[in-house]
Amino acid sequence: MPIRCEIISQDRVVFQDDVDIVVVPGAEGVMGILPHHAPLLSLLQMGIITVRKQGREEYFTVSGGVVEVAGNQVTVLANAAENVDEI
């Protein structure tokens, strides 16, 4: 069962899809978020967000913001975010 992931910067939706795992640079360290994760609200550090879907990984840069896990959804509200392939 996948988990819904949305990465949103100040000016656009950077990523939106159902994925297997989301790895984010949390304020207290790197966190892996799987389906059925406990509710969570955390600050983000500058770093890389990794999303994996069916063995394929995508990478996104993020420069701060917050991550919320509620239900079966991960929402990243980033100060700035970009797909690494677009840089």
PDB file of N, CA and C in Angstrom:
ATOM      1  N   MET A   1       0.841  -1.182   0.000  1.00  0.00           N
ATOM      2  CA  MET A   1       0.000   0.000   0.000  1.00  0.00           C
ATOM      3  C   MET A   1       0.883   1.240   0.000  1.00  0.00           C
ATOM      4  N   PRO A   2       0.711   2.133  -0.948  1.00  0.00           N
ATOM      5  CA  PRO A   2       1.561   3.323  -1.027  1.00  0.00           C
ATOM      6  C   PRO A   2       1.110   4.433  -0.074  1.00  0.00           C
ATOM      7  N   ILE A   3       1.970   5.432   0.063  1.00  0.00           N
ATOM      8  CA  ILE A   3       1.673   6.622   0.844  1.00  0.00           C
ATOM      9  C   ILE A   3       1.690   7.817  -0.106  1.00  0.00           C
ATOM     10  N   ARG A   4       0.765   8.727   0.052  1.00  0.00           N
ATOM     11  CA  ARG A   4       0.666   9.913  -0.812  1.00  0.00           C
ATOM     12  C   ARG A   4       1.724  10.921  -0.375  1.00  0.00           C
ATOM     13  N   CYS A   5       2.474  11.468  -1.335  1.00  0.00           N
ATOM     14  CA  CYS A   5       3.520  12.447  -1.049  1.00  0.00           C
ATOM     15  C   CYS A   5       3.284  13.701  -1.882  1.00  0.00           C
ATOM     16  N   GLU A   6       3.305  14.843  -1.214  1.00  0.00           N
ATOM     17  CA  GLU A   6       3.218  16.130  -1.888  1.00  0.00           C
ATOM     18  C   GLU A   6       4.361  17.004  -1.394  1.00  0.00           C
ATOM     19  N   ILE A   7       5.132  17.545  -2.341  1.00  0.00           N
ATOM     20  CA  ILE A   7       6.204  18.491  -2.026  1.00  0.00           C
ATOM     21  C   ILE A   7       5.795  19.814  -2.656  1.00  0.00           C
ATOM     22  N   ILE A   8       5.605  20.810  -1.817  1.00  0.00           N
ATOM     23  CA  ILE A   8       5.080  22.094  -2.278  1.00  0.00           C
ATOM     24  C   ILE A   8       6.051  23.189  -1.871  1.00  0.00           C
ATOM     25  N   SER A   9       6.477  23.993  -2.861  1.00  0.00           N
ATOM     26  CA  SER A   9       7.304  25.160  -2.554  1.00  0.00           C
ATOM     27  C   SER A   9       6.401  26.385  -2.539  1.00  0.00           C
ATOM     28  N   GLN A  10       6.975  27.544  -2.354  1.00  0.00           N
ATOM     29  CA  GLN A  10       6.176  28.763  -2.249  1.00  0.00           C
ATOM     30  C   GLN A  10       5.451  29.110  -3.541  1.00  0.00           C
ATOM     31  N   ASP A  11       5.983  28.660  -4.678  1.00  0.00           N
ATOM     32  CA  ASP A  11       5.398  29.079  -5.951  1.00  0.00           C
ATOM     33  C   ASP A  11       4.757  27.962  -6.770  1.00  0.00           C
ATOM     34  N   ARG A  12       4.934  26.678  -6.359  1.00  0.00           N
ATOM     35  CA  ARG A  12       4.356  25.604  -7.177  1.00  0.00           C
ATOM     36  C   ARG A  12       4.374  24.272  -6.437  1.00  0.00           C
ATOM     37  N   VAL A  13       3.624  23.329  -6.994  1.00  0.00           N
ATOM     38  CA  VAL A  13       3.675  21.946  -6.521  1.00  0.00           C
ATOM     39  C   VAL A  13       4.835  21.279  -7.250  1.00  0.00           C
ATOM     40  N   VAL A  14       5.850  20.871  -6.515  1.00  0.00           N
ATOM     41  CA  VAL A  14       7.061  20.294  -7.098  1.00  0.00           C
ATOM     42  C   VAL A  14       6.873  18.815  -7.406  1.00  0.00           C
ATOM     43  N   PHE A  15       6.129  18.108  -6.533  1.00  0.00           N
ATOM     44  CA  PHE A  15       5.933  16.665  -6.716  1.00  0.00           C
ATOM     45  C   PHE A  15       4.625  16.276  -6.045  1.00  0.00           C
ATOM     46  N   GLN A  16       3.923  15.333  -6.685  1.00  0.00           N
ATOM     47  CA  GLN A  16       2.671  14.829  -6.126  1.00  0.00           C
ATOM     48  C   GLN A  16       2.422  13.444  -6.720  1.00  0.00           C
ATOM     49  N   ASP A  17       2.479  12.400  -5.862  1.00  0.00           N
ATOM     50  CA  ASP A  17       2.280  11.035  -6.349  1.00  0.00           C
ATOM     51  C   ASP A  17       2.168  10.090  -5.152  1.00  0.00           C
ATOM     52  N   ASP A  18       1.741   8.864  -5.413  1.00  0.00           N
ATOM     53  CA  ASP A  18       1.747   7.799  -4.423  1.00  0.00           C
ATOM     54  C   ASP A  18       3.098   7.098  -4.507  1.00  0.00           C
ATOM     55  N   VAL A  19       3.762   6.933  -3.354  1.00  0.00           N
ATOM     56  CA  VAL A  19       5.111   6.373  -3.329  1.00  0.00           C
ATOM     57  C   VAL A  19       5.206   5.290  -2.258  1.00  0.00           C
ATOM     58  N   ASP A  20       6.337   4.570  -2.261  1.00  0.00           N
ATOM     59  CA  ASP A  20       6.565   3.511  -1.284  1.00  0.00           C
ATOM     60  C   ASP A  20       7.207   4.031   0.005  1.00  0.00           C
ATOM     61  N   ILE A  21       8.122   5.023  -0.117  1.00  0.00           N
ATOM     62  CA  ILE A  21       8.812   5.593   1.040  1.00  0.00           C
ATOM     63  C   ILE A  21       9.246   7.013   0.706  1.00  0.00           C
ATOM     64  N   VAL A  22       9.258   7.865   1.733  1.00  0.00           N
ATOM     65  CA  VAL A  22       9.747   9.234   1.618  1.00  0.00           C
ATOM     66  C   VAL A  22      10.823   9.404   2.679  1.00  0.00           C
ATOM     67  N   VAL A  23      11.994   9.907   2.294  1.00  0.00           N
ATOM     68  CA  VAL A  23      13.085  10.158   3.234  1.00  0.00           C
ATOM     69  C   VAL A  23      13.342  11.662   3.242  1.00  0.00           C
ATOM     70  N   VAL A  24      13.213  12.277   4.431  1.00  0.00           N
ATOM     71  CA  VAL A  24      13.343  13.729   4.549  1.00  0.00           C
ATOM     72  C   VAL A  24      14.420  14.100   5.561  1.00  0.00           C
ATOM     73  N   PRO A  25      15.069  15.268   5.358  1.00  0.00           N
ATOM     74  CA  PRO A  25      16.077  15.742   6.318  1.00  0.00           C
ATOM     75  C   PRO A  25      15.402  16.520   7.452  1.00  0.00           C
ATOM     76  N   GLY A  26      14.954  15.828   8.481  1.00  0.00           N
ATOM     77  CA  GLY A  26      14.273  16.458   9.606  1.00  0.00           C
ATOM     78  C   GLY A  26      15.226  17.253  10.479  1.00  0.00           C
ATOM     79  N   ALA A  27      14.672  18.062  11.354  1.00  0.00           N
ATOM     80  CA  ALA A  27      15.475  18.899  12.247  1.00  0.00           C
ATOM     81  C   ALA A  27      16.355  18.064  13.185  1.00  0.00           C
ATOM     82  N   GLU A  28      15.897  16.868  13.533  1.00  0.00           N
ATOM     83  CA  GLU A  28      16.655  15.995  14.431  1.00  0.00           C
ATOM     84  C   GLU A  28      17.406  14.894  13.699  1.00  0.00           C
ATOM     85  N   GLY A  29      17.392  14.918  12.367  1.00  0.00           N
ATOM     86  CA  GLY A  29      18.084  13.903  11.576  1.00  0.00           C
ATOM     87  C   GLY A  29      17.217  13.408  10.435  1.00  0.00           C
ATOM     88  N   VAL A  30      17.761  12.511   9.653  1.00  0.00           N
ATOM     89  CA  VAL A  30      17.065  11.984   8.485  1.00  0.00           C
ATOM     90  C   VAL A  30      15.974  11.017   8.940  1.00  0.00           C
ATOM     91  N   MET A  31      14.772  11.158   8.358  1.00  0.00           N
ATOM     92  CA  MET A  31      13.633  10.310   8.729  1.00  0.00           C
ATOM     93  C   MET A  31      13.097   9.596   7.501  1.00  0.00           C
ATOM     94  N   GLY A  32      12.841   8.311   7.620  1.00  0.00           N
ATOM     95  CA  GLY A  32      12.174   7.540   6.585  1.00  0.00           C
ATOM     96  C   GLY A  32      10.710   7.374   6.953  1.00  0.00           C
ATOM     97  N   ILE A  33       9.824   7.708   6.024  1.00  0.00           N
ATOM     98  CA  ILE A  33       8.392   7.662   6.293  1.00  0.00           C
ATOM     99  C   ILE A  33       7.754   6.627   5.374  1.00  0.00           C
ATOM    100  N   LEU A  34       7.180   5.609   5.974  1.00  0.00           N
ATOM    101  CA  LEU A  34       6.516   4.516   5.264  1.00  0.00           C
ATOM    102  C   LEU A  34       5.005   4.638   5.437  1.00  0.00           C
ATOM    103  N   PRO A  35       4.214   3.894   4.645  1.00  0.00           N
ATOM    104  CA  PRO A  35       2.769   3.887   4.861  1.00  0.00           C
ATOM    105  C   PRO A  35       2.425   3.511   6.303  1.00  0.00           C
ATOM    106  N   HIS A  36       1.351   4.075   6.820  1.00  0.00           N
ATOM    107  CA  HIS A  36       0.853   3.852   8.187  1.00  0.00           C
ATOM    108  C   HIS A  36       1.784   4.427   9.256  1.00  0.00           C
ATOM    109  N   HIS A  37       2.585   5.439   8.895  1.00  0.00           N
ATOM    110  CA  HIS A  37       3.467   6.107   9.854  1.00  0.00           C
ATOM    111  C   HIS A  37       2.615   6.848  10.878  1.00  0.00           C
ATOM    112  N   ALA A  38       3.122   6.972  12.079  1.00  0.00           N
ATOM    113  CA  ALA A  38       2.440   7.739  13.121  1.00  0.00           C
ATOM    114  C   ALA A  38       2.354   9.212  12.717  1.00  0.00           C
ATOM    115  N   PRO A  39       1.335   9.934  13.176  1.00  0.00           N
ATOM    116  CA  PRO A  39       1.250  11.360  12.872  1.00  0.00           C
ATOM    117  C   PRO A  39       2.510  12.095  13.328  1.00  0.00           C
ATOM    118  N   LEU A  40       2.926  13.081  12.523  1.00  0.00           N
ATOM    119  CA  LEU A  40       4.205  13.750  12.775  1.00  0.00           C
ATOM    120  C   LEU A  40       4.163  15.153  12.206  1.00  0.00           C
ATOM    121  N   LEU A  41       4.791  16.083  12.909  1.00  0.00           N
ATOM    122  CA  LEU A  41       5.017  17.432  12.407  1.00  0.00           C
ATOM    123  C   LEU A  41       6.434  17.800  12.800  1.00  0.00           C
ATOM    124  N   SER A  42       7.283  18.153  11.806  1.00  0.00           N
ATOM    125  CA  SER A  42       8.690  18.429  12.077  1.00  0.00           C
ATOM    126  C   SER A  42       9.204  19.527  11.163  1.00  0.00           C
ATOM    127  N   LEU A  43      10.169  20.273  11.668  1.00  0.00           N
ATOM    128  CA  LEU A  43      10.901  21.214  10.830  1.00  0.00           C
ATOM    129  C   LEU A  43      11.846  20.439   9.928  1.00  0.00           C
ATOM    130  N   LEU A  44      12.192  21.037   8.790  1.00  0.00           N
ATOM    131  CA  LEU A  44      13.152  20.432   7.861  1.00  0.00           C
ATOM    132  C   LEU A  44      14.437  21.232   7.837  1.00  0.00           C
ATOM    133  N   GLN A  45      15.534  20.533   7.652  1.00  0.00           N
ATOM    134  CA  GLN A  45      16.824  21.159   7.412  1.00  0.00           C
ATOM    135  C   GLN A  45      17.048  21.276   5.911  1.00  0.00           C
ATOM    136  N   MET A  46      18.056  22.028   5.531  1.00  0.00           N
ATOM    137  CA  MET A  46      18.473  22.036   4.128  1.00  0.00           C
ATOM    138  C   MET A  46      19.031  20.659   3.809  1.00  0.00           C
ATOM    139  N   GLY A  47      18.629  20.098   2.663  1.00  0.00           N
ATOM    140  CA  GLY A  47      19.111  18.776   2.300  1.00  0.00           C
ATOM    141  C   GLY A  47      18.376  18.192   1.117  1.00  0.00           C
ATOM    142  N   ILE A  48      18.360  16.866   1.061  1.00  0.00           N
ATOM    143  CA  ILE A  48      17.768  16.124  -0.053  1.00  0.00           C
ATOM    144  C   ILE A  48      16.586  15.300   0.440  1.00  0.00           C
ATOM    145  N   ILE A  49      15.477  15.385  -0.281  1.00  0.00           N
ATOM    146  CA  ILE A  49      14.324  14.513  -0.054  1.00  0.00           C
ATOM    147  C   ILE A  49      14.394  13.413  -1.106  1.00  0.00           C
ATOM    148  N   THR A  50      14.265  12.176  -0.668  1.00  0.00           N
ATOM    149  CA  THR A  50      14.254  11.030  -1.576  1.00  0.00           C
ATOM    150  C   THR A  50      12.877  10.392  -1.542  1.00  0.00           C
ATOM    151  N   VAL A  51      12.293  10.172  -2.726  1.00  0.00           N
ATOM    152  CA  VAL A  51      11.033   9.426  -2.805  1.00  0.00           C
ATOM    153  C   VAL A  51      11.283   8.191  -3.665  1.00  0.00           C
ATOM    154  N   ARG A  52      10.784   7.039  -3.201  1.00  0.00           N
ATOM    155  CA  ARG A  52      10.979   5.791  -3.928  1.00  0.00           C
ATOM    156  C   ARG A  52       9.620   5.209  -4.301  1.00  0.00           C
ATOM    157  N   LYS A  53       9.501   4.861  -5.582  1.00  0.00           N
ATOM    158  CA  LYS A  53       8.275   4.238  -6.075  1.00  0.00           C
ATOM    159  C   LYS A  53       8.661   3.090  -6.989  1.00  0.00           C
ATOM    160  N   GLN A  54       8.261   1.890  -6.624  1.00  0.00           N
ATOM    161  CA  GLN A  54       8.514   0.690  -7.412  1.00  0.00           C
ATOM    162  C   GLN A  54       9.992   0.558  -7.795  1.00  0.00           C
ATOM    163  N   GLY A  55      10.882   0.780  -6.823  1.00  0.00           N
ATOM    164  CA  GLY A  55      12.314   0.619  -7.036  1.00  0.00           C
ATOM    165  C   GLY A  55      13.003   1.793  -7.714  1.00  0.00           C
ATOM    166  N   ARG A  56      12.257   2.783  -8.159  1.00  0.00           N
ATOM    167  CA  ARG A  56      12.839   3.964  -8.816  1.00  0.00           C
ATOM    168  C   ARG A  56      12.862   5.118  -7.820  1.00  0.00           C
ATOM    169  N   GLU A  57      13.981   5.826  -7.740  1.00  0.00           N
ATOM    170  CA  GLU A  57      14.106   6.925  -6.798  1.00  0.00           C
ATOM    171  C   GLU A  57      14.172   8.265  -7.514  1.00  0.00           C
ATOM    172  N   GLU A  58      13.554   9.274  -6.887  1.00  0.00           N
ATOM    173  CA  GLU A  58      13.657  10.655  -7.350  1.00  0.00           C
ATOM    174  C   GLU A  58      14.184  11.478  -6.192  1.00  0.00           C
ATOM    175  N   TYR A  59      14.972  12.513  -6.513  1.00  0.00           N
ATOM    176  CA  TYR A  59      15.612  13.338  -5.498  1.00  0.00           C
ATOM    177  C   TYR A  59      15.199  14.793  -5.670  1.00  0.00           C
ATOM    178  N   PHE A  60      14.983  15.458  -4.533  1.00  0.00           N
ATOM    179  CA  PHE A  60      14.572  16.856  -4.520  1.00  0.00           C
ATOM    180  C   PHE A  60      15.411  17.607  -3.494  1.00  0.00           C
ATOM    181  N   THR A  61      15.891  18.781  -3.867  1.00  0.00           N
ATOM    182  CA  THR A  61      16.569  19.628  -2.889  1.00  0.00           C
ATOM    183  C   THR A  61      15.511  20.393  -2.112  1.00  0.00           C
ATOM    184  N   VAL A  62      15.805  20.669  -0.863  1.00  0.00           N
ATOM    185  CA  VAL A  62      14.892  21.439  -0.031  1.00  0.00           C
ATOM    186  C   VAL A  62      15.721  22.352   0.873  1.00  0.00           C
ATOM    187  N   SER A  63      15.266  23.587   1.021  1.00  0.00           N
ATOM    188  CA  SER A  63      15.988  24.519   1.893  1.00  0.00           C
ATOM    189  C   SER A  63      15.066  24.962   3.024  1.00  0.00           C
ATOM    190  N   GLY A  64      14.822  24.049   3.928  1.00  0.00           N
ATOM    191  CA  GLY A  64      13.992  24.349   5.088  1.00  0.00           C
ATOM    192  C   GLY A  64      12.516  24.216   4.797  1.00  0.00           C
ATOM    193  N   GLY A  65      11.731  24.292   5.861  1.00  0.00           N
ATOM    194  CA  GLY A  65      10.291  24.163   5.761  1.00  0.00           C
ATOM    195  C   GLY A  65       9.778  23.228   6.832  1.00  0.00           C
ATOM    196  N   VAL A  66       8.609  22.629   6.574  1.00  0.00           N
ATOM    197  CA  VAL A  66       8.020  21.683   7.520  1.00  0.00           C
ATOM    198  C   VAL A  66       7.523  20.447   6.780  1.00  0.00           C
ATOM    199  N   VAL A  67       7.457  19.345   7.505  1.00  0.00           N
ATOM    200  CA  VAL A  67       6.877  18.113   6.975  1.00  0.00           C
ATOM    201  C   VAL A  67       5.778  17.679   7.937  1.00  0.00           C
ATOM    202  N   GLU A  68       4.642  17.271   7.363  1.00  0.00           N
ATOM    203  CA  GLU A  68       3.531  16.774   8.164  1.00  0.00           C
ATOM    204  C   GLU A  68       3.142  15.393   7.646  1.00  0.00           C
ATOM    205  N   VAL A  69       2.985  14.458   8.563  1.00  0.00           N
ATOM    206  CA  VAL A  69       2.462  13.134   8.235  1.00  0.00           C
ATOM    207  C   VAL A  69       1.128  13.011   8.948  1.00  0.00           C
ATOM    208  N   ALA A  70       0.070  12.830   8.177  1.00  0.00           N
ATOM    209  CA  ALA A  70      -1.272  12.698   8.742  1.00  0.00           C
ATOM    210  C   ALA A  70      -2.019  11.671   7.909  1.00  0.00           C
ATOM    211  N   GLY A  71      -2.596  10.691   8.586  1.00  0.00           N
ATOM    212  CA  GLY A  71      -3.269   9.619   7.859  1.00  0.00           C
ATOM    213  C   GLY A  71      -2.252   8.879   7.018  1.00  0.00           C
ATOM    214  N   ASN A  72      -2.514   8.755   5.739  1.00  0.00           N
ATOM    215  CA  ASN A  72      -1.583   8.078   4.839  1.00  0.00           C
ATOM    216  C   ASN A  72      -1.039   9.082   3.820  1.00  0.00           C
ATOM    217  N   GLN A  73      -0.665  10.280   4.323  1.00  0.00           N
ATOM    218  CA  GLN A  73      -0.172  11.334   3.449  1.00  0.00           C
ATOM    219  C   GLN A  73       0.987  12.070   4.097  1.00  0.00           C
ATOM    220  N   VAL A  74       2.011  12.354   3.277  1.00  0.00           N
ATOM    221  CA  VAL A  74       3.160  13.162   3.678  1.00  0.00           C
ATOM    222  C   VAL A  74       3.074  14.470   2.901  1.00  0.00           C
ATOM    223  N   THR A  75       3.050  15.586   3.622  1.00  0.00           N
ATOM    224  CA  THR A  75       3.024  16.896   2.983  1.00  0.00           C
ATOM    225  C   THR A  75       4.261  17.661   3.399  1.00  0.00           C
ATOM    226  N   VAL A  76       5.047  18.080   2.405  1.00  0.00           N
ATOM    227  CA  VAL A  76       6.226  18.894   2.648  1.00  0.00           C
ATOM    228  C   VAL A  76       5.915  20.303   2.163  1.00  0.00           C
ATOM    229  N   LEU A  77       5.960  21.266   3.082  1.00  0.00           N
ATOM    230  CA  LEU A  77       5.829  22.680   2.735  1.00  0.00           C
ATOM    231  C   LEU A  77       7.221  23.275   2.858  1.00  0.00           C
ATOM    232  N   ALA A  78       7.856  23.496   1.713  1.00  0.00           N
ATOM    233  CA  ALA A  78       9.263  23.889   1.686  1.00  0.00           C
ATOM    234  C   ALA A  78       9.437  25.369   1.398  1.00  0.00           C
ATOM    235  N   ASN A  79      10.457  25.965   2.007  1.00  0.00           N
ATOM    236  CA  ASN A  79      10.811  27.345   1.669  1.00  0.00           C
ATOM    237  C   ASN A  79      11.175  27.420   0.190  1.00  0.00           C
ATOM    238  N   ALA A  80      11.949  26.455  -0.256  1.00  0.00           N
ATOM    239  CA  ALA A  80      12.308  26.312  -1.684  1.00  0.00           C
ATOM    240  C   ALA A  80      12.589  24.840  -1.933  1.00  0.00           C
ATOM    241  N   ALA A  81      12.152  24.340  -3.086  1.00  0.00           N
ATOM    242  CA  ALA A  81      12.383  22.934  -3.451  1.00  0.00           C
ATOM    243  C   ALA A  81      12.476  22.808  -4.968  1.00  0.00           C
ATOM    244  N   GLU A  82      13.335  21.905  -5.410  1.00  0.00           N
ATOM    245  CA  GLU A  82      13.523  21.640  -6.837  1.00  0.00           C
ATOM    246  C   GLU A  82      13.825  20.163  -7.045  1.00  0.00           C
ATOM    247  N   ASN A  83      13.371  19.630  -8.157  1.00  0.00           N
ATOM    248  CA  ASN A  83      13.759  18.288  -8.574  1.00  0.00           C
ATOM    249  C   ASN A  83      15.222  18.352  -8.998  1.00  0.00           C
ATOM    250  N   VAL A  84      16.049  17.467  -8.506  1.00  0.00           N
ATOM    251  CA  VAL A  84      17.482  17.487  -8.818  1.00  0.00           C
ATOM    252  C   VAL A  84      17.713  17.391 -10.326  1.00  0.00           C
ATOM    253  N   ASP A  85      16.875  16.646 -11.046  1.00  0.00           N
ATOM    254  CA  ASP A  85      17.031  16.509 -12.496  1.00  0.00           C
ATOM    255  C   ASP A  85      16.793  17.825 -13.235  1.00  0.00           C
ATOM    256  N   GLU A  86      16.109  18.773 -12.607  1.00  0.00           N
ATOM    257  CA  GLU A  86      15.807  20.057 -13.238  1.00  0.00           C
ATOM    258  C   GLU A  86      16.846  21.130 -12.961  1.00  0.00           C
ATOM    259  N   ILE A  87      17.804  20.820 -12.084  1.00  0.00           N
ATOM    260  CA  ILE A  87      18.828  21.818 -11.744  1.00  0.00           C
ATOM    261  C   ILE A  87      19.911  21.846 -12.800  1.00  0.00           C
TER     262      ILE A  87
END
